[in-house]
Amino acid sequence: MKKGTLTRNQVIGIVGLKAVEKVESLNCEPTNRVGYNGSCQNNDLIEWASTVELDDGTKLTVYYYTDIADEAIVEANGGDWGSIDWVISGYQID
């Protein structure tokens, strides 16, 4: 099940543009929650996330999901994960 049900505009309204731009600027990492290693575990997606802690102690997380087609692009480009089009799936505030 995908996480991050808030849209960019919703999050901007809650925490402001600066916080959103900060979390979007970070490199994301696999979460190991969904589909780590993708097809090796019979999962269609791999979940990636970046998180920043806000001034009030809450955390803003942005989620990305990649799939088998993305893995093929990365493999064809010598393991370069920067070769795929990273699309934000959603945001979460905890």
N, C-alpha and C. Protein backbone atom coordinates (compact mmCIF):
# COMPACT_ATOMS: atom_id res chain seq x y z
N MET A 1 0.85 -1.18 0.00
CA MET A 1 0.00 0.00 0.00
C MET A 1 0.90 1.25 0.00
N LYS A 2 0.60 2.14 -0.90
CA LYS A 2 1.40 3.37 -1.00
C LYS A 2 1.13 4.31 0.17
N LYS A 3 2.18 5.02 0.55
CA LYS A 3 2.06 6.04 1.60
C LYS A 3 2.15 7.41 0.93
N GLY A 4 1.85 8.43 1.69
CA GLY A 4 1.96 9.78 1.18
C GLY A 4 0.72 10.21 0.43
N THR A 5 -0.36 10.44 1.15
CA THR A 5 -1.64 10.75 0.53
C THR A 5 -1.87 12.25 0.32
N LEU A 6 -0.97 13.09 0.83
CA LEU A 6 -1.13 14.53 0.66
C LEU A 6 -0.49 14.99 -0.64
N THR A 7 -1.09 16.00 -1.26
CA THR A 7 -0.53 16.59 -2.47
C THR A 7 0.47 17.67 -2.10
N ARG A 8 1.23 18.10 -3.07
CA ARG A 8 2.21 19.16 -2.86
C ARG A 8 1.52 20.44 -2.39
N ASN A 9 0.43 20.81 -3.04
CA ASN A 9 -0.28 22.04 -2.65
C ASN A 9 -0.85 21.95 -1.24
N GLN A 10 -1.35 20.79 -0.86
CA GLN A 10 -1.85 20.63 0.51
C GLN A 10 -0.73 20.83 1.52
N VAL A 11 0.42 20.24 1.25
CA VAL A 11 1.54 20.32 2.18
C VAL A 11 2.09 21.74 2.24
N ILE A 12 2.15 22.41 1.10
CA ILE A 12 2.59 23.81 1.11
C ILE A 12 1.67 24.65 2.02
N GLY A 13 0.38 24.37 1.96
CA GLY A 13 -0.57 25.09 2.80
C GLY A 13 -0.40 24.81 4.28
N ILE A 14 0.16 23.65 4.61
CA ILE A 14 0.32 23.26 6.01
C ILE A 14 1.69 23.68 6.56
N VAL A 15 2.77 23.39 5.80
CA VAL A 15 4.12 23.62 6.33
C VAL A 15 4.91 24.68 5.58
N GLY A 16 4.41 25.13 4.45
CA GLY A 16 5.08 26.18 3.69
C GLY A 16 5.96 25.64 2.57
N LEU A 17 6.20 26.49 1.60
CA LEU A 17 6.97 26.14 0.41
C LEU A 17 8.41 25.79 0.74
N LYS A 18 9.03 26.51 1.67
CA LYS A 18 10.43 26.28 2.00
C LYS A 18 10.67 24.84 2.47
N ALA A 19 9.80 24.33 3.32
CA ALA A 19 9.94 22.96 3.82
C ALA A 19 9.76 21.95 2.69
N VAL A 20 8.80 22.21 1.81
CA VAL A 20 8.55 21.31 0.69
C VAL A 20 9.75 21.28 -0.25
N GLU A 21 10.28 22.44 -0.56
CA GLU A 21 11.45 22.49 -1.44
C GLU A 21 12.65 21.80 -0.80
N LYS A 22 12.76 21.90 0.52
CA LYS A 22 13.88 21.26 1.21
C LYS A 22 13.79 19.74 1.09
N VAL A 23 12.63 19.16 1.37
CA VAL A 23 12.49 17.70 1.30
C VAL A 23 12.63 17.21 -0.14
N GLU A 24 12.16 17.99 -1.09
CA GLU A 24 12.27 17.61 -2.51
C GLU A 24 13.71 17.65 -3.01
N SER A 25 14.55 18.44 -2.36
CA SER A 25 15.94 18.57 -2.80
C SER A 25 16.84 17.44 -2.31
N LEU A 26 16.36 16.65 -1.38
CA LEU A 26 17.16 15.57 -0.81
C LEU A 26 17.16 14.33 -1.71
N ASN A 27 18.25 13.58 -1.64
CA ASN A 27 18.27 12.27 -2.29
C ASN A 27 17.37 11.33 -1.50
N CYS A 28 16.60 10.55 -2.21
CA CYS A 28 15.73 9.59 -1.53
C CYS A 28 16.46 8.25 -1.38
N GLU A 29 15.98 7.46 -0.45
CA GLU A 29 16.55 6.15 -0.17
C GLU A 29 15.42 5.13 -0.14
N PRO A 30 15.71 3.87 -0.47
CA PRO A 30 14.66 2.85 -0.38
C PRO A 30 14.24 2.69 1.09
N THR A 31 12.95 2.50 1.30
CA THR A 31 12.45 2.39 2.68
C THR A 31 12.50 0.97 3.22
N ASN A 32 12.60 0.00 2.37
CA ASN A 32 12.55 -1.42 2.74
C ASN A 32 11.16 -1.84 3.20
N ARG A 33 10.20 -0.92 3.18
CA ARG A 33 8.83 -1.23 3.59
C ARG A 33 8.07 -1.93 2.48
N VAL A 34 8.23 -1.46 1.27
CA VAL A 34 7.51 -2.03 0.12
C VAL A 34 8.51 -2.33 -0.98
N GLY A 35 8.57 -3.57 -1.35
CA GLY A 35 9.25 -3.96 -2.56
C GLY A 35 10.73 -3.75 -2.65
N TYR A 36 11.44 -3.74 -1.54
CA TYR A 36 12.88 -3.60 -1.67
C TYR A 36 13.39 -4.77 -2.51
N ASN A 37 14.17 -4.47 -3.50
CA ASN A 37 14.63 -5.42 -4.52
C ASN A 37 13.53 -5.81 -5.50
N GLY A 38 12.41 -5.14 -5.45
CA GLY A 38 11.38 -5.28 -6.48
C GLY A 38 11.03 -6.69 -6.86
N SER A 39 11.32 -7.04 -8.11
CA SER A 39 10.89 -8.32 -8.66
C SER A 39 11.47 -9.51 -7.91
N CYS A 40 12.59 -9.33 -7.24
CA CYS A 40 13.17 -10.43 -6.47
C CYS A 40 12.23 -10.90 -5.37
N GLN A 41 11.36 -10.01 -4.90
CA GLN A 41 10.42 -10.35 -3.84
C GLN A 41 8.98 -10.34 -4.35
N ASN A 42 8.82 -10.45 -5.67
CA ASN A 42 7.49 -10.46 -6.29
C ASN A 42 6.68 -9.20 -6.00
N ASN A 43 7.34 -8.08 -5.88
CA ASN A 43 6.67 -6.81 -5.70
C ASN A 43 6.77 -6.01 -6.99
N ASP A 44 5.70 -5.32 -7.33
CA ASP A 44 5.70 -4.50 -8.54
C ASP A 44 6.42 -3.17 -8.35
N LEU A 45 6.45 -2.68 -7.11
CA LEU A 45 7.00 -1.36 -6.83
C LEU A 45 8.10 -1.42 -5.78
N ILE A 46 8.96 -0.41 -5.82
CA ILE A 46 9.93 -0.19 -4.76
C ILE A 46 9.63 1.20 -4.21
N GLU A 47 9.52 1.29 -2.89
CA GLU A 47 9.22 2.57 -2.23
C GLU A 47 10.51 3.26 -1.82
N TRP A 48 10.57 4.56 -2.12
CA TRP A 48 11.71 5.42 -1.78
C TRP A 48 11.15 6.62 -1.03
N ALA A 49 11.95 7.19 -0.13
CA ALA A 49 11.48 8.35 0.63
C ALA A 49 12.63 9.24 1.06
N SER A 50 12.30 10.50 1.27
CA SER A 50 13.18 11.49 1.88
C SER A 50 12.39 12.17 2.99
N THR A 51 13.05 12.48 4.09
CA THR A 51 12.37 13.08 5.24
C THR A 51 13.18 14.23 5.80
N VAL A 52 12.47 15.28 6.20
CA VAL A 52 13.08 16.38 6.94
C VAL A 52 12.30 16.58 8.23
N GLU A 53 13.03 16.97 9.28
CA GLU A 53 12.37 17.32 10.53
C GLU A 53 12.12 18.81 10.51
N LEU A 54 10.89 19.20 10.82
CA LEU A 54 10.50 20.61 10.83
C LEU A 54 10.77 21.22 12.20
N ASP A 55 10.69 22.53 12.27
CA ASP A 55 11.00 23.26 13.50
C ASP A 55 10.17 22.81 14.70
N ASP A 56 8.94 22.37 14.45
CA ASP A 56 8.07 21.97 15.56
C ASP A 56 8.22 20.49 15.92
N GLY A 57 9.20 19.80 15.30
CA GLY A 57 9.45 18.40 15.62
C GLY A 57 8.71 17.41 14.74
N THR A 58 7.77 17.88 13.94
CA THR A 58 7.09 16.98 13.02
C THR A 58 8.02 16.65 11.86
N LYS A 59 7.70 15.60 11.15
CA LYS A 59 8.52 15.17 10.02
C LYS A 59 7.70 15.24 8.74
N LEU A 60 8.33 15.76 7.71
CA LEU A 60 7.73 15.83 6.37
C LEU A 60 8.46 14.82 5.50
N THR A 61 7.70 13.90 4.93
CA THR A 61 8.28 12.86 4.09
C THR A 61 7.66 12.94 2.70
N VAL A 62 8.52 12.77 1.69
CA VAL A 62 8.07 12.70 0.31
C VAL A 62 8.33 11.27 -0.16
N TYR A 63 7.36 10.68 -0.87
CA TYR A 63 7.46 9.29 -1.34
C TYR A 63 7.54 9.22 -2.85
N TYR A 64 8.37 8.30 -3.29
CA TYR A 64 8.52 7.99 -4.71
C TYR A 64 8.37 6.47 -4.85
N TYR A 65 7.91 6.01 -6.01
CA TYR A 65 7.81 4.58 -6.27
C TYR A 65 8.41 4.30 -7.64
N THR A 66 9.26 3.30 -7.70
CA THR A 66 9.81 2.86 -8.97
C THR A 66 9.29 1.46 -9.26
N ASP A 67 9.44 1.03 -10.52
CA ASP A 67 8.96 -0.29 -10.90
C ASP A 67 10.00 -1.02 -11.74
N ILE A 68 9.62 -2.15 -12.27
CA ILE A 68 10.52 -3.01 -13.04
C ILE A 68 11.07 -2.26 -14.26
N ALA A 69 10.24 -1.47 -14.92
CA ALA A 69 10.71 -0.71 -16.08
C ALA A 69 11.80 0.27 -15.68
N ASP A 70 11.65 0.89 -14.53
CA ASP A 70 12.69 1.81 -14.03
C ASP A 70 13.99 1.06 -13.75
N GLU A 71 13.87 -0.13 -13.17
CA GLU A 71 15.05 -0.93 -12.89
C GLU A 71 15.80 -1.26 -14.18
N ALA A 72 15.05 -1.55 -15.25
CA ALA A 72 15.67 -1.86 -16.54
C ALA A 72 16.42 -0.64 -17.09
N ILE A 73 15.85 0.54 -16.92
CA ILE A 73 16.52 1.77 -17.38
C ILE A 73 17.81 1.98 -16.60
N VAL A 74 17.75 1.78 -15.30
CA VAL A 74 18.93 1.94 -14.45
C VAL A 74 20.02 0.95 -14.87
N GLU A 75 19.62 -0.29 -15.07
CA GLU A 75 20.58 -1.32 -15.47
C GLU A 75 21.22 -0.98 -16.82
N ALA A 76 20.41 -0.50 -17.75
CA ALA A 76 20.91 -0.14 -19.08
C ALA A 76 21.86 1.06 -19.02
N ASN A 77 21.76 1.85 -17.95
CA ASN A 77 22.62 3.03 -17.78
C ASN A 77 23.70 2.80 -16.72
N GLY A 78 24.12 1.58 -16.60
CA GLY A 78 25.24 1.25 -15.72
C GLY A 78 24.97 1.44 -14.24
N GLY A 79 23.72 1.28 -13.82
CA GLY A 79 23.38 1.43 -12.41
C GLY A 79 23.12 2.84 -11.96
N ASP A 80 22.96 3.76 -12.90
CA ASP A 80 22.73 5.17 -12.58
C ASP A 80 21.26 5.43 -12.30
N TRP A 81 20.91 5.57 -11.01
CA TRP A 81 19.52 5.82 -10.63
C TRP A 81 19.06 7.22 -11.05
N GLY A 82 20.00 8.09 -11.37
CA GLY A 82 19.66 9.41 -11.87
C GLY A 82 19.14 9.38 -13.29
N SER A 83 19.20 8.23 -13.93
CA SER A 83 18.75 8.11 -15.32
C SER A 83 17.24 7.92 -15.46
N ILE A 84 16.55 7.73 -14.34
CA ILE A 84 15.09 7.58 -14.44
C ILE A 84 14.40 8.90 -14.07
N ASP A 85 13.15 9.02 -14.45
CA ASP A 85 12.37 10.21 -14.15
C ASP A 85 11.70 10.01 -12.79
N TRP A 86 12.24 10.65 -11.77
CA TRP A 86 11.71 10.52 -10.41
C TRP A 86 10.44 11.35 -10.29
N VAL A 87 9.32 10.69 -10.06
CA VAL A 87 8.03 11.36 -9.93
C VAL A 87 7.54 11.19 -8.49
N ILE A 88 7.22 12.30 -7.87
CA ILE A 88 6.73 12.25 -6.49
C ILE A 88 5.33 11.65 -6.48
N SER A 89 5.15 10.67 -5.61
CA SER A 89 3.86 10.01 -5.47
C SER A 89 2.97 10.75 -4.46
N GLY A 90 3.58 11.25 -3.40
CA GLY A 90 2.80 11.96 -2.39
C GLY A 90 3.65 12.36 -1.20
N TYR A 91 3.03 13.07 -0.28
CA TYR A 91 3.70 13.62 0.90
C TYR A 91 2.96 13.15 2.15
N GLN A 92 3.71 13.13 3.26
CA GLN A 92 3.12 12.76 4.54
C GLN A 92 3.74 13.63 5.64
N ILE A 93 2.93 14.03 6.59
CA ILE A 93 3.40 14.78 7.74
C ILE A 93 3.12 13.93 8.98
N ASP A 94 4.17 13.68 9.74
CA ASP A 94 4.03 12.88 10.99
C ASP A 94 4.48 13.70 12.18
